[in-house]
Amino acid sequence: MTGILFDLDGTLLDTLDDLTDGVNHVLSQFGYPQRSREEVRRFVGNGAAVLMQRAVPQGMDWQKPLESFQSYYRDHCQIKTAPYPGIPEALKELAARYPLAIISNKPDKAVKKLCAQYFPGIFALGESGICPRKPSPDMVRLGMKQIGADRCIYVGDSEVDVLTARNAGVSCLSVLWGFREEAEIRAAGGSRFCANPCELVTDLENMMKEME
């Protein structure tokens, strides 16, 4: 059975404003300079630890800010976050035909909280220590196992997602409304692109036909 696995941030949900607010809340607590929305956009994709390592000034402690960020963001991850227009409708249509899962390098508690609100009923997995984070293939393999898929298409918005799909040996569809530019995704090896959520179902079904 073929399933579809999705990244979360930048693919299904626009989380950038809440992430930026969370980062800057913590930076201000520790007396560090604030980061712009564009800076945070470039910092995300590899998990909360890497996000805070990049956000704090070079050479400064990031572990205590990380703990503060995880606590703050868990309670403030739904203030400005919302699905990209057209995504709920696309997932509803796809879920009627294929098993779906969401896997993310975001902390697992935040992932489950957001997905329970916006995408109820879809298996969701975030970073929790159960398995290595993306671009390791482990999260993809666990997601496939949970939904009973023996092959899948992985949908994401970044170079991390392209590498994850490659490492897992699965097809990848890269979306262009997220946190990375097309050139960055292409540089990582991305070759299949979806320009708009309204084209997502059609693009995925075309890929399904090619896999038959």
C-alpha atoms as a PDB file:
ATOM      1  CA  MET A   1       0.000   0.000   0.000  1.00  0.00           C
ATOM      2  CA  THR A   2       1.261   3.467  -0.901  1.00  0.00           C
ATOM      3  CA  GLY A   3       0.988   6.190   1.732  1.00  0.00           C
ATOM      4  CA  ILE A   4       1.700   9.913   1.779  1.00  0.00           C
ATOM      5  CA  LEU A   5       3.879  11.414   4.497  1.00  0.00           C
ATOM      6  CA  PHE A   6       4.027  15.152   5.130  1.00  0.00           C
ATOM      7  CA  ASP A   7       6.414  17.509   6.812  1.00  0.00           C
ATOM      8  CA  LEU A   8       4.564  20.005   9.039  1.00  0.00           C
ATOM      9  CA  ASP A   9       6.198  23.451   9.276  1.00  0.00           C
ATOM     10  CA  GLY A  10       6.283  25.215   5.931  1.00  0.00           C
ATOM     11  CA  THR A  11       4.402  22.372   4.266  1.00  0.00           C
ATOM     12  CA  LEU A  12       1.033  22.093   5.991  1.00  0.00           C
ATOM     13  CA  LEU A  13       1.199  24.879   8.573  1.00  0.00           C
ATOM     14  CA  ASP A  14       2.601  28.397   8.445  1.00  0.00           C
ATOM     15  CA  THR A  15       4.251  28.393  11.877  1.00  0.00           C
ATOM     16  CA  LEU A  16       6.878  31.039  11.253  1.00  0.00           C
ATOM     17  CA  ASP A  17       5.341  33.893  13.242  1.00  0.00           C
ATOM     18  CA  ASP A  18       4.842  31.779  16.368  1.00  0.00           C
ATOM     19  CA  LEU A  19       8.353  30.357  16.030  1.00  0.00           C
ATOM     20  CA  THR A  20       9.812  33.849  15.660  1.00  0.00           C
ATOM     21  CA  ASP A  21       7.858  35.141  18.658  1.00  0.00           C
ATOM     22  CA  GLY A  22       8.951  32.139  20.732  1.00  0.00           C
ATOM     23  CA  VAL A  23      12.605  32.549  19.815  1.00  0.00           C
ATOM     24  CA  ASN A  24      12.591  36.263  20.562  1.00  0.00           C
ATOM     25  CA  HIS A  25      10.739  35.790  23.845  1.00  0.00           C
ATOM     26  CA  VAL A  26      13.511  33.497  25.017  1.00  0.00           C
ATOM     27  CA  LEU A  27      16.325  35.614  23.619  1.00  0.00           C
ATOM     28  CA  SER A  28      15.004  38.627  25.513  1.00  0.00           C
ATOM     29  CA  GLN A  29      14.903  36.571  28.722  1.00  0.00           C
ATOM     30  CA  PHE A  30      18.605  35.874  28.401  1.00  0.00           C
ATOM     31  CA  GLY A  31      19.573  39.350  27.240  1.00  0.00           C
ATOM     32  CA  TYR A  32      20.437  38.267  23.705  1.00  0.00           C
ATOM     33  CA  PRO A  33      19.685  40.298  20.553  1.00  0.00           C
ATOM     34  CA  GLN A  34      16.392  39.658  18.765  1.00  0.00           C
ATOM     35  CA  ARG A  35      16.174  37.754  15.494  1.00  0.00           C
ATOM     36  CA  SER A  36      14.194  38.766  12.430  1.00  0.00           C
ATOM     37  CA  ARG A  37      11.464  36.643  10.893  1.00  0.00           C
ATOM     38  CA  GLU A  38      13.727  36.023   7.909  1.00  0.00           C
ATOM     39  CA  GLU A  39      16.554  34.821  10.144  1.00  0.00           C
ATOM     40  CA  VAL A  40      14.262  32.393  11.949  1.00  0.00           C
ATOM     41  CA  ARG A  41      12.980  31.144   8.593  1.00  0.00           C
ATOM     42  CA  ARG A  42      16.543  30.152   7.712  1.00  0.00           C
ATOM     43  CA  PHE A  43      17.193  28.628  11.144  1.00  0.00           C
ATOM     44  CA  VAL A  44      14.273  26.163  11.212  1.00  0.00           C
ATOM     45  CA  GLY A  45      14.104  22.675   9.756  1.00  0.00           C
ATOM     46  CA  ASN A  46      16.514  20.672  11.878  1.00  0.00           C
ATOM     47  CA  GLY A  47      14.732  20.623  15.234  1.00  0.00           C
ATOM     48  CA  ALA A  48      14.483  22.920  18.243  1.00  0.00           C
ATOM     49  CA  ALA A  49      18.046  22.351  19.421  1.00  0.00           C
ATOM     50  CA  VAL A  50      19.547  23.459  16.114  1.00  0.00           C
ATOM     51  CA  LEU A  51      17.116  26.377  15.965  1.00  0.00           C
ATOM     52  CA  MET A  52      18.330  27.720  19.313  1.00  0.00           C
ATOM     53  CA  GLN A  53      21.982  27.014  18.553  1.00  0.00           C
ATOM     54  CA  ARG A  54      21.590  29.220  15.501  1.00  0.00           C
ATOM     55  CA  ALA A  55      19.502  31.874  17.244  1.00  0.00           C
ATOM     56  CA  VAL A  56      21.713  32.615  20.249  1.00  0.00           C
ATOM     57  CA  PRO A  57      24.920  34.605  19.684  1.00  0.00           C
ATOM     58  CA  GLN A  58      27.838  32.476  18.586  1.00  0.00           C
ATOM     59  CA  GLY A  59      29.735  30.973  21.489  1.00  0.00           C
ATOM     60  CA  MET A  60      26.970  31.582  24.019  1.00  0.00           C
ATOM     61  CA  ASP A  61      25.076  28.891  25.942  1.00  0.00           C
ATOM     62  CA  TRP A  62      22.074  27.604  24.007  1.00  0.00           C
ATOM     63  CA  GLN A  63      20.934  24.702  26.189  1.00  0.00           C
ATOM     64  CA  LYS A  64      19.136  26.753  28.839  1.00  0.00           C
ATOM     65  CA  PRO A  65      17.489  28.916  26.151  1.00  0.00           C
ATOM     66  CA  LEU A  66      16.445  25.663  24.455  1.00  0.00           C
ATOM     67  CA  GLU A  67      14.697  24.460  27.613  1.00  0.00           C
ATOM     68  CA  SER A  68      12.924  27.810  27.924  1.00  0.00           C
ATOM     69  CA  PHE A  69      11.939  27.785  24.261  1.00  0.00           C
ATOM     70  CA  GLN A  70      10.458  24.285  24.436  1.00  0.00           C
ATOM     71  CA  SER A  71       8.395  25.203  27.476  1.00  0.00           C
ATOM     72  CA  TYR A  72       7.210  28.542  26.081  1.00  0.00           C
ATOM     73  CA  TYR A  73       6.510  27.313  22.569  1.00  0.00           C
ATOM     74  CA  ARG A  74       4.506  24.318  23.758  1.00  0.00           C
ATOM     75  CA  ASP A  75       2.013  26.759  25.319  1.00  0.00           C
ATOM     76  CA  HIS A  76       2.170  29.389  22.572  1.00  0.00           C
ATOM     77  CA  CYS A  77       2.355  27.387  19.338  1.00  0.00           C
ATOM     78  CA  GLN A  78      -1.212  28.162  18.242  1.00  0.00           C
ATOM     79  CA  ILE A  79      -1.342  31.957  18.485  1.00  0.00           C
ATOM     80  CA  LYS A  80      -0.610  32.946  14.888  1.00  0.00           C
ATOM     81  CA  THR A  81      -0.136  29.512  13.286  1.00  0.00           C
ATOM     82  CA  ALA A  82      -2.611  28.355  10.641  1.00  0.00           C
ATOM     83  CA  PRO A  83      -2.783  25.908   7.742  1.00  0.00           C
ATOM     84  CA  TYR A  84      -1.822  27.277   4.356  1.00  0.00           C
ATOM     85  CA  PRO A  85      -4.967  28.068   2.336  1.00  0.00           C
ATOM     86  CA  GLY A  86      -6.232  24.957   0.598  1.00  0.00           C
ATOM     87  CA  ILE A  87      -4.295  22.474   2.741  1.00  0.00           C
ATOM     88  CA  PRO A  88      -7.186  21.226   4.942  1.00  0.00           C
ATOM     89  CA  GLU A  89      -9.283  20.547   1.853  1.00  0.00           C
ATOM     90  CA  ALA A  90      -6.414  18.767   0.096  1.00  0.00           C
ATOM     91  CA  LEU A  91      -5.693  16.530   3.097  1.00  0.00           C
ATOM     92  CA  LYS A  92      -9.357  15.667   3.471  1.00  0.00           C
ATOM     93  CA  GLU A  93      -9.508  14.587  -0.162  1.00  0.00           C
ATOM     94  CA  LEU A  94      -6.252  12.625   0.057  1.00  0.00           C
ATOM     95  CA  ALA A  95      -7.223  10.924   3.329  1.00  0.00           C
ATOM     96  CA  ALA A  96     -10.264   9.423   1.627  1.00  0.00           C
ATOM     97  CA  ARG A  97      -7.949   7.547  -0.772  1.00  0.00           C
ATOM     98  CA  TYR A  98      -4.586   7.042   0.907  1.00  0.00           C
ATOM     99  CA  PRO A  99      -3.122   6.464   4.381  1.00  0.00           C
ATOM    100  CA  LEU A 100      -1.489   9.687   5.611  1.00  0.00           C
ATOM    101  CA  ALA A 101       1.058  10.591   8.276  1.00  0.00           C
ATOM    102  CA  ILE A 102       2.793  13.763   9.434  1.00  0.00           C
ATOM    103  CA  ILE A 103       6.412  13.697  10.592  1.00  0.00           C
ATOM    104  CA  SER A 104       8.301  16.720  11.870  1.00  0.00           C
ATOM    105  CA  ASN A 105      11.534  17.743  13.582  1.00  0.00           C
ATOM    106  CA  LYS A 106       9.429  20.015  15.798  1.00  0.00           C
ATOM    107  CA  PRO A 107       9.122  18.779  19.418  1.00  0.00           C
ATOM    108  CA  ASP A 108       6.602  15.938  19.587  1.00  0.00           C
ATOM    109  CA  LYS A 109       4.293  17.604  22.128  1.00  0.00           C
ATOM    110  CA  ALA A 110       3.875  20.658  19.902  1.00  0.00           C
ATOM    111  CA  VAL A 111       3.385  18.487  16.813  1.00  0.00           C
ATOM    112  CA  LYS A 112       0.646  16.443  18.428  1.00  0.00           C
ATOM    113  CA  LYS A 113      -1.040  19.554  19.833  1.00  0.00           C
ATOM    114  CA  LEU A 114      -1.107  21.315  16.469  1.00  0.00           C
ATOM    115  CA  CYS A 115      -2.127  18.251  14.473  1.00  0.00           C
ATOM    116  CA  ALA A 116      -4.911  17.396  16.917  1.00  0.00           C
ATOM    117  CA  GLN A 117      -6.369  20.845  16.247  1.00  0.00           C
ATOM    118  CA  TYR A 118      -5.828  21.170  12.507  1.00  0.00           C
ATOM    119  CA  PHE A 119      -5.490  17.605  11.187  1.00  0.00           C
ATOM    120  CA  PRO A 120      -7.316  15.296  13.609  1.00  0.00           C
ATOM    121  CA  GLY A 121      -7.177  11.615  12.896  1.00  0.00           C
ATOM    122  CA  ILE A 122      -3.857  11.720  11.009  1.00  0.00           C
ATOM    123  CA  PHE A 123      -0.915   9.983  12.672  1.00  0.00           C
ATOM    124  CA  ALA A 124       1.603  12.645  13.733  1.00  0.00           C
ATOM    125  CA  LEU A 125       5.152  12.238  15.001  1.00  0.00           C
ATOM    126  CA  GLY A 126       7.605  14.869  16.197  1.00  0.00           C
ATOM    127  CA  GLU A 127      11.079  14.806  17.698  1.00  0.00           C
ATOM    128  CA  SER A 128      10.982  12.923  20.998  1.00  0.00           C
ATOM    129  CA  GLY A 129      14.025  10.696  21.251  1.00  0.00           C
ATOM    130  CA  ILE A 130      12.132   7.675  19.896  1.00  0.00           C
ATOM    131  CA  CYS A 131      14.237   7.799  16.745  1.00  0.00           C
ATOM    132  CA  PRO A 132      16.763  10.140  15.119  1.00  0.00           C
ATOM    133  CA  ARG A 133      15.341  13.283  13.560  1.00  0.00           C
ATOM    134  CA  LYS A 134      15.278  13.986   9.856  1.00  0.00           C
ATOM    135  CA  PRO A 135      17.206  13.713   7.551  1.00  0.00           C
ATOM    136  CA  SER A 136      17.630  10.280   9.127  1.00  0.00           C
ATOM    137  CA  PRO A 137      15.167   7.901   7.431  1.00  0.00           C
ATOM    138  CA  ASP A 138      13.940   6.503  10.760  1.00  0.00           C
ATOM    139  CA  MET A 139      10.972   8.854  11.180  1.00  0.00           C
ATOM    140  CA  VAL A 140       9.769   8.086   7.652  1.00  0.00           C
ATOM    141  CA  ARG A 141      10.029   4.367   8.263  1.00  0.00           C
ATOM    142  CA  LEU A 142       8.191   4.637  11.569  1.00  0.00           C
ATOM    143  CA  GLY A 143       5.462   6.733   9.967  1.00  0.00           C
ATOM    144  CA  MET A 144       5.044   4.204   7.169  1.00  0.00           C
ATOM    145  CA  LYS A 145       4.818   1.372   9.670  1.00  0.00           C
ATOM    146  CA  GLN A 146       2.166   3.191  11.686  1.00  0.00           C
ATOM    147  CA  ILE A 147      -0.099   3.699   8.661  1.00  0.00           C
ATOM    148  CA  GLY A 148       0.543   0.296   7.092  1.00  0.00           C
ATOM    149  CA  ALA A 149       2.342   1.584   3.990  1.00  0.00           C
ATOM    150  CA  ASP A 150       5.078  -0.366   2.244  1.00  0.00           C
ATOM    151  CA  ARG A 151       6.003   2.592   0.037  1.00  0.00           C
ATOM    152  CA  CYS A 152       5.243   6.297   0.109  1.00  0.00           C
ATOM    153  CA  ILE A 153       5.633   9.763  -1.292  1.00  0.00           C
ATOM    154  CA  TYR A 154       7.177  12.229   1.117  1.00  0.00           C
ATOM    155  CA  VAL A 155       6.066  15.876   0.885  1.00  0.00           C
ATOM    156  CA  GLY A 156       8.163  18.689   2.338  1.00  0.00           C
ATOM    157  CA  ASP A 157       9.407  22.212   1.810  1.00  0.00           C
ATOM    158  CA  SER A 158      13.144  22.084   2.471  1.00  0.00           C
ATOM    159  CA  GLU A 159      16.494  20.557   1.660  1.00  0.00           C
ATOM    160  CA  VAL A 160      16.151  18.510   4.843  1.00  0.00           C
ATOM    161  CA  ASP A 161      13.039  16.882   3.401  1.00  0.00           C
ATOM    162  CA  VAL A 162      14.751  16.085   0.096  1.00  0.00           C
ATOM    163  CA  LEU A 163      17.605  14.405   1.973  1.00  0.00           C
ATOM    164  CA  THR A 164      15.162  12.574   4.232  1.00  0.00           C
ATOM    165  CA  ALA A 165      13.313  11.101   1.268  1.00  0.00           C
ATOM    166  CA  ARG A 166      16.574  10.125  -0.403  1.00  0.00           C
ATOM    167  CA  ASN A 167      17.857   8.443   2.753  1.00  0.00           C
ATOM    168  CA  ALA A 168      14.575   6.557   3.137  1.00  0.00           C
ATOM    169  CA  GLY A 169      14.538   5.514  -0.526  1.00  0.00           C
ATOM    170  CA  VAL A 170      11.139   7.110  -1.217  1.00  0.00           C
ATOM    171  CA  SER A 171       9.799   9.603  -3.750  1.00  0.00           C
ATOM    172  CA  CYS A 172       9.741  13.281  -2.801  1.00  0.00           C
ATOM    173  CA  LEU A 173       7.475  16.168  -3.736  1.00  0.00           C
ATOM    174  CA  SER A 174       8.762  19.596  -2.701  1.00  0.00           C
ATOM    175  CA  VAL A 175       6.312  22.435  -2.103  1.00  0.00           C
ATOM    176  CA  LEU A 176       7.225  26.019  -2.944  1.00  0.00           C
ATOM    177  CA  TRP A 177       5.062  27.957  -0.468  1.00  0.00           C
ATOM    178  CA  GLY A 178       7.189  27.095   2.572  1.00  0.00           C
ATOM    179  CA  PHE A 179      10.391  28.193   4.269  1.00  0.00           C
ATOM    180  CA  ARG A 180      12.929  27.558   1.482  1.00  0.00           C
ATOM    181  CA  GLU A 181      13.449  28.910  -2.012  1.00  0.00           C
ATOM    182  CA  GLU A 182      13.275  26.618  -5.030  1.00  0.00           C
ATOM    183  CA  ALA A 183      16.992  27.109  -5.724  1.00  0.00           C
ATOM    184  CA  GLU A 184      17.891  25.815  -2.268  1.00  0.00           C
ATOM    185  CA  ILE A 185      15.716  22.741  -2.728  1.00  0.00           C
ATOM    186  CA  ARG A 186      17.116  22.066  -6.195  1.00  0.00           C
ATOM    187  CA  ALA A 187      20.666  22.380  -4.857  1.00  0.00           C
ATOM    188  CA  ALA A 188      19.867  19.545  -2.438  1.00  0.00           C
ATOM    189  CA  GLY A 189      18.585  17.373  -5.280  1.00  0.00           C
ATOM    190  CA  GLY A 190      14.892  18.251  -5.351  1.00  0.00           C
ATOM    191  CA  SER A 191      13.324  17.599  -8.756  1.00  0.00           C
ATOM    192  CA  ARG A 192       9.528  17.430  -8.294  1.00  0.00           C
ATOM    193  CA  PHE A 193       7.741  20.587  -7.219  1.00  0.00           C
ATOM    194  CA  CYS A 194       4.247  21.738  -6.295  1.00  0.00           C
ATOM    195  CA  ALA A 195       3.688  25.477  -6.667  1.00  0.00           C
ATOM    196  CA  ASN A 196       0.302  25.859  -4.991  1.00  0.00           C
ATOM    197  CA  PRO A 197      -1.780  23.871  -2.465  1.00  0.00           C
ATOM    198  CA  CYS A 198      -4.624  23.714  -4.957  1.00  0.00           C
ATOM    199  CA  GLU A 199      -2.350  21.601  -7.190  1.00  0.00           C
ATOM    200  CA  LEU A 200      -1.237  19.241  -4.418  1.00  0.00           C
ATOM    201  CA  VAL A 201      -3.785  16.469  -4.979  1.00  0.00           C
ATOM    202  CA  THR A 202      -3.247  16.414  -8.737  1.00  0.00           C
ATOM    203  CA  ASP A 203       0.549  16.438  -8.428  1.00  0.00           C
ATOM    204  CA  LEU A 204       0.506  13.588  -5.908  1.00  0.00           C
ATOM    205  CA  GLU A 205      -1.881  11.493  -7.965  1.00  0.00           C
ATOM    206  CA  ASN A 206       0.311  11.978 -11.039  1.00  0.00           C
ATOM    207  CA  MET A 207       3.252  10.689  -9.018  1.00  0.00           C
ATOM    208  CA  MET A 208       1.126   7.745  -7.825  1.00  0.00           C
ATOM    209  CA  LYS A 209       0.365   6.799 -11.438  1.00  0.00           C
ATOM    210  CA  GLU A 210       4.085   6.882 -12.283  1.00  0.00           C
ATOM    211  CA  MET A 211       4.746   4.481  -9.403  1.00  0.00           C
ATOM    212  CA  GLU A 212       2.241   1.902 -10.632  1.00  0.00           C
END
